[in-house]
Each structure stands twice: as C-alpha cells, then as structure tokens.
Amino acid sequence: PYIAISAIAIYLCVVSACVAIFVDDYILSVVFLTIAETCYFATTAPVNAQIANMMPASIRTRAYGVQILISHTLGDAISPTLIGLVSDETNNLTLGITLAPLSIIMAGITYLSAWIFLDVSEGDEIKVVVEDNETKVPVT
C-alpha cells in the first residue's frame, strides 16, 4: 500500500504542475504549484517506509543513501541544465519548464509498476543478498 500512495500522489503532482505552468492567473499558478509540491513530497514517506520494511538493518542506511543520490542526480542536479538547453534552443521557457512534469511521469511509471507487479504482502519474506550473505527479511 505504501507504493500505491506514492503512485497516486505523483500523478496528482503532474496534473497540478501542468496546470501551474499553463494557467495565466498568477494566484492560481501559485496555488497549483503548492499542490504539486505537496503531492511530490508526499511520496517521500511511503518510499522511506518501504525501504525500512524491506531492507535488512545492516544495509538500510546504504539503501537510503542510494535512494537520495539517485533522486538528486536525476532530479535537481540535471534539471536546470536540461531546462536551460530546451529554453535556449526553442526560445520558449515554458517548454523547458514542461520537462519537469514529464520527468516526474517517469517516477510515476516506476511507482505504478511497483504497485502493480510487486506482489509483496505483509508476512512475506524477501531474499536480500549483500556481499555473498543471504538474508530473508520479513515484510511488515
């Protein structure tokens, strides 16, 4: 159920972000941008809970670190450059900013795929192999 919350929230984020980008009224734009940011950050807690439930304690902090590194590398580290390139090439900043919701859709696809295809229920065990050590972790 954690990933379901993330999948739903991320798609609400995309819709709100698109409205914020394309609406002409400043106040409405700020309102929808706030909704988009709230929905985006609402995905953090469910993902962290899933990591806490699925990773053995010995590698849990490493899993959190990898998750943070990937999200920043694919998110705020590269987005200004990509938005600037699209904006410069097309002379259209709105088109460049539209890359943000499009990239968030990729996160939504990941969350939705995990929700649909990972059939993990409470009480199941997941096999985790770290440096040739195999551990079975119960899902809580």
C-alpha atoms as a PDB file:
ATOM      1  CA  PRO A   1       0.000   0.000   0.000  1.00  0.00           C
ATOM      2  CA  TYR A   2       2.925   2.392   0.505  1.00  0.00           C
ATOM      3  CA  ILE A   3       3.809   2.459  -3.174  1.00  0.00           C
ATOM      4  CA  ALA A   4       0.140   2.966  -4.078  1.00  0.00           C
ATOM      5  CA  ILE A   5       0.168   6.217  -2.101  1.00  0.00           C
ATOM      6  CA  SER A   6       3.289   7.339  -3.955  1.00  0.00           C
ATOM      7  CA  ALA A   7       1.815   6.426  -7.359  1.00  0.00           C
ATOM      8  CA  ILE A   8      -1.396   8.352  -6.715  1.00  0.00           C
ATOM      9  CA  ALA A   9       0.385  11.366  -5.231  1.00  0.00           C
ATOM     10  CA  ILE A  10       2.892  11.612  -8.073  1.00  0.00           C
ATOM     11  CA  TYR A  11       0.176  11.687 -10.731  1.00  0.00           C
ATOM     12  CA  LEU A  12      -1.701  14.380  -8.793  1.00  0.00           C
ATOM     13  CA  CYS A  13       1.616  16.238  -8.726  1.00  0.00           C
ATOM     14  CA  VAL A  14       1.980  16.024 -12.520  1.00  0.00           C
ATOM     15  CA  VAL A  15      -1.545  17.313 -13.151  1.00  0.00           C
ATOM     16  CA  SER A  16      -1.130  20.169 -10.669  1.00  0.00           C
ATOM     17  CA  ALA A  17       2.278  21.105 -12.077  1.00  0.00           C
ATOM     18  CA  CYS A  18       0.922  21.229 -15.625  1.00  0.00           C
ATOM     19  CA  VAL A  19      -1.942  23.467 -14.535  1.00  0.00           C
ATOM     20  CA  ALA A  20       0.527  25.704 -12.664  1.00  0.00           C
ATOM     21  CA  ILE A  21       2.692  26.035 -15.774  1.00  0.00           C
ATOM     22  CA  PHE A  22      -0.039  26.757 -18.287  1.00  0.00           C
ATOM     23  CA  VAL A  23      -2.591  28.801 -16.304  1.00  0.00           C
ATOM     24  CA  ASP A  24      -2.466  32.554 -16.966  1.00  0.00           C
ATOM     25  CA  ASP A  25      -3.503  33.696 -13.479  1.00  0.00           C
ATOM     26  CA  TYR A  26      -0.595  34.203 -11.062  1.00  0.00           C
ATOM     27  CA  ILE A  27      -2.561  33.274  -7.925  1.00  0.00           C
ATOM     28  CA  LEU A  28      -3.891  30.061  -9.477  1.00  0.00           C
ATOM     29  CA  SER A  29      -0.400  29.221 -10.662  1.00  0.00           C
ATOM     30  CA  VAL A  30       0.984  29.563  -7.127  1.00  0.00           C
ATOM     31  CA  VAL A  31      -1.897  27.533  -5.679  1.00  0.00           C
ATOM     32  CA  PHE A  32      -1.389  24.671  -8.143  1.00  0.00           C
ATOM     33  CA  LEU A  33       2.385  24.805  -7.729  1.00  0.00           C
ATOM     34  CA  THR A  34       1.905  24.451  -3.963  1.00  0.00           C
ATOM     35  CA  ILE A  35      -0.405  21.477  -4.538  1.00  0.00           C
ATOM     36  CA  ALA A  36       2.162  19.943  -6.902  1.00  0.00           C
ATOM     37  CA  GLU A  37       4.998  20.323  -4.399  1.00  0.00           C
ATOM     38  CA  THR A  38       2.896  18.908  -1.572  1.00  0.00           C
ATOM     39  CA  CYS A  39       1.954  15.877  -3.672  1.00  0.00           C
ATOM     40  CA  TYR A  40       5.559  15.428  -4.783  1.00  0.00           C
ATOM     41  CA  PHE A  41       6.891  15.437  -1.227  1.00  0.00           C
ATOM     42  CA  ALA A  42       4.043  13.162  -0.103  1.00  0.00           C
ATOM     43  CA  THR A  43       5.836  10.368  -1.973  1.00  0.00           C
ATOM     44  CA  THR A  44       8.898  10.553   0.276  1.00  0.00           C
ATOM     45  CA  ALA A  45       7.479   8.996   3.443  1.00  0.00           C
ATOM     46  CA  PRO A  46       5.925   5.940   1.728  1.00  0.00           C
ATOM     47  CA  VAL A  47       9.164   5.227  -0.153  1.00  0.00           C
ATOM     48  CA  ASN A  48      11.193   5.554   3.056  1.00  0.00           C
ATOM     49  CA  ALA A  49       8.746   3.275   4.870  1.00  0.00           C
ATOM     50  CA  GLN A  50       9.083   0.704   2.107  1.00  0.00           C
ATOM     51  CA  ILE A  51      12.873   0.850   2.326  1.00  0.00           C
ATOM     52  CA  ALA A  52      12.691   0.449   6.117  1.00  0.00           C
ATOM     53  CA  ASN A  53      10.379  -2.551   5.766  1.00  0.00           C
ATOM     54  CA  MET A  54      12.302  -4.332   3.023  1.00  0.00           C
ATOM     55  CA  MET A  55      15.983  -3.724   3.770  1.00  0.00           C
ATOM     56  CA  PRO A  56      17.904  -5.554   6.478  1.00  0.00           C
ATOM     57  CA  ALA A  57      19.219  -3.222   9.179  1.00  0.00           C
ATOM     58  CA  SER A  58      22.800  -3.825   8.064  1.00  0.00           C
ATOM     59  CA  ILE A  59      22.251  -2.120   4.687  1.00  0.00           C
ATOM     60  CA  ARG A  60      19.280   0.147   5.411  1.00  0.00           C
ATOM     61  CA  THR A  61      21.349   3.333   5.633  1.00  0.00           C
ATOM     62  CA  ARG A  62      23.095   2.426   2.366  1.00  0.00           C
ATOM     63  CA  ALA A  63      19.694   1.959   0.715  1.00  0.00           C
ATOM     64  CA  TYR A  64      18.561   5.382   1.927  1.00  0.00           C
ATOM     65  CA  GLY A  65      21.797   6.912   0.654  1.00  0.00           C
ATOM     66  CA  VAL A  66      21.444   5.326  -2.788  1.00  0.00           C
ATOM     67  CA  GLN A  67      17.815   6.482  -2.993  1.00  0.00           C
ATOM     68  CA  ILE A  68      18.801  10.063  -2.119  1.00  0.00           C
ATOM     69  CA  LEU A  69      21.749  10.039  -4.534  1.00  0.00           C
ATOM     70  CA  ILE A  70      19.648   8.783  -7.438  1.00  0.00           C
ATOM     71  CA  SER A  71      16.778  11.179  -6.795  1.00  0.00           C
ATOM     72  CA  HIS A  72      19.100  14.192  -6.627  1.00  0.00           C
ATOM     73  CA  THR A  73      21.205  13.094  -9.593  1.00  0.00           C
ATOM     74  CA  LEU A  74      18.186  12.547 -11.825  1.00  0.00           C
ATOM     75  CA  GLY A  75      16.253  15.468 -10.346  1.00  0.00           C
ATOM     76  CA  ASP A  76      17.644  18.763  -9.155  1.00  0.00           C
ATOM     77  CA  ALA A  77      21.226  18.198 -10.323  1.00  0.00           C
ATOM     78  CA  ILE A  78      20.439  17.811 -14.019  1.00  0.00           C
ATOM     79  CA  SER A  79      17.124  19.647 -14.441  1.00  0.00           C
ATOM     80  CA  PRO A  80      18.438  23.256 -14.592  1.00  0.00           C
ATOM     81  CA  THR A  81      20.792  22.304 -17.418  1.00  0.00           C
ATOM     82  CA  LEU A  82      18.108  20.456 -19.389  1.00  0.00           C
ATOM     83  CA  ILE A  83      15.527  23.202 -18.893  1.00  0.00           C
ATOM     84  CA  GLY A  84      18.099  25.800 -19.973  1.00  0.00           C
ATOM     85  CA  LEU A  85      19.081  23.815 -23.077  1.00  0.00           C
ATOM     86  CA  VAL A  86      15.471  23.388 -24.214  1.00  0.00           C
ATOM     87  CA  SER A  87      14.680  27.016 -23.419  1.00  0.00           C
ATOM     88  CA  ASP A  88      17.731  28.295 -25.320  1.00  0.00           C
ATOM     89  CA  GLU A  89      17.142  26.085 -28.350  1.00  0.00           C
ATOM     90  CA  THR A  90      13.441  26.902 -28.657  1.00  0.00           C
ATOM     91  CA  ASN A  91      13.347  30.438 -27.189  1.00  0.00           C
ATOM     92  CA  ASN A  92      10.472  29.123 -25.074  1.00  0.00           C
ATOM     93  CA  LEU A  93      10.998  28.903 -21.303  1.00  0.00           C
ATOM     94  CA  THR A  94       7.555  27.359 -20.799  1.00  0.00           C
ATOM     95  CA  LEU A  95       8.545  24.441 -23.000  1.00  0.00           C
ATOM     96  CA  GLY A  96      11.733  23.968 -20.982  1.00  0.00           C
ATOM     97  CA  ILE A  97       9.858  24.043 -17.680  1.00  0.00           C
ATOM     98  CA  THR A  98       7.405  21.477 -19.066  1.00  0.00           C
ATOM     99  CA  LEU A  99      10.258  18.951 -18.840  1.00  0.00           C
ATOM    100  CA  ALA A 100       9.782  18.848 -15.056  1.00  0.00           C
ATOM    101  CA  PRO A 101       6.302  17.261 -15.077  1.00  0.00           C
ATOM    102  CA  LEU A 102       7.362  14.999 -17.937  1.00  0.00           C
ATOM    103  CA  SER A 103      10.279  13.682 -15.899  1.00  0.00           C
ATOM    104  CA  ILE A 104       8.041  13.235 -12.869  1.00  0.00           C
ATOM    105  CA  ILE A 105       5.875  10.960 -15.024  1.00  0.00           C
ATOM    106  CA  MET A 106       8.854   8.556 -15.125  1.00  0.00           C
ATOM    107  CA  ALA A 107       8.749   8.371 -11.322  1.00  0.00           C
ATOM    108  CA  GLY A 108       5.025   7.739 -11.573  1.00  0.00           C
ATOM    109  CA  ILE A 109       5.589   4.893 -14.011  1.00  0.00           C
ATOM    110  CA  THR A 110       8.106   3.384 -11.581  1.00  0.00           C
ATOM    111  CA  TYR A 111       5.738   3.664  -8.612  1.00  0.00           C
ATOM    112  CA  LEU A 112       2.791   2.365 -10.620  1.00  0.00           C
ATOM    113  CA  SER A 113       4.821  -0.595 -11.929  1.00  0.00           C
ATOM    114  CA  ALA A 114       5.997  -1.453  -8.420  1.00  0.00           C
ATOM    115  CA  TRP A 115       2.431  -1.235  -7.135  1.00  0.00           C
ATOM    116  CA  ILE A 116       1.064  -3.493  -9.882  1.00  0.00           C
ATOM    117  CA  PHE A 117       3.862  -6.004 -10.415  1.00  0.00           C
ATOM    118  CA  LEU A 118       5.484  -6.397  -6.998  1.00  0.00           C
ATOM    119  CA  ASP A 119       3.128  -8.681  -5.164  1.00  0.00           C
ATOM    120  CA  VAL A 120       4.530  -8.256  -1.684  1.00  0.00           C
ATOM    121  CA  SER A 121       2.202  -8.626   1.247  1.00  0.00           C
ATOM    122  CA  GLU A 122       2.681  -8.334   4.974  1.00  0.00           C
ATOM    123  CA  GLY A 123       4.150 -11.546   6.319  1.00  0.00           C
ATOM    124  CA  ASP A 124       6.028 -12.396   3.089  1.00  0.00           C
ATOM    125  CA  GLU A 125       9.797 -12.772   3.105  1.00  0.00           C
ATOM    126  CA  ILE A 126      12.198 -11.139   0.660  1.00  0.00           C
ATOM    127  CA  LYS A 127      15.622 -12.609  -0.041  1.00  0.00           C
ATOM    128  CA  VAL A 128      18.372  -9.963   0.137  1.00  0.00           C
ATOM    129  CA  VAL A 129      21.945 -10.825  -0.865  1.00  0.00           C
ATOM    130  CA  VAL A 130      24.731  -8.497   0.255  1.00  0.00           C
ATOM    131  CA  GLU A 131      28.355  -9.442  -0.356  1.00  0.00           C
ATOM    132  CA  ASP A 132      27.539 -13.160  -0.636  1.00  0.00           C
ATOM    133  CA  ASN A 133      25.490 -13.124   2.576  1.00  0.00           C
ATOM    134  CA  GLU A 134      21.893 -14.120   2.038  1.00  0.00           C
ATOM    135  CA  THR A 135      19.248 -12.845   4.431  1.00  0.00           C
ATOM    136  CA  LYS A 136      15.499 -13.383   4.398  1.00  0.00           C
ATOM    137  CA  VAL A 137      13.692 -10.253   5.543  1.00  0.00           C
ATOM    138  CA  PRO A 138      10.059 -10.401   6.646  1.00  0.00           C
ATOM    139  CA  VAL A 139       7.788  -7.733   5.166  1.00  0.00           C
ATOM    140  CA  THR A 140       5.993  -5.821   7.907  1.00  0.00           C
END
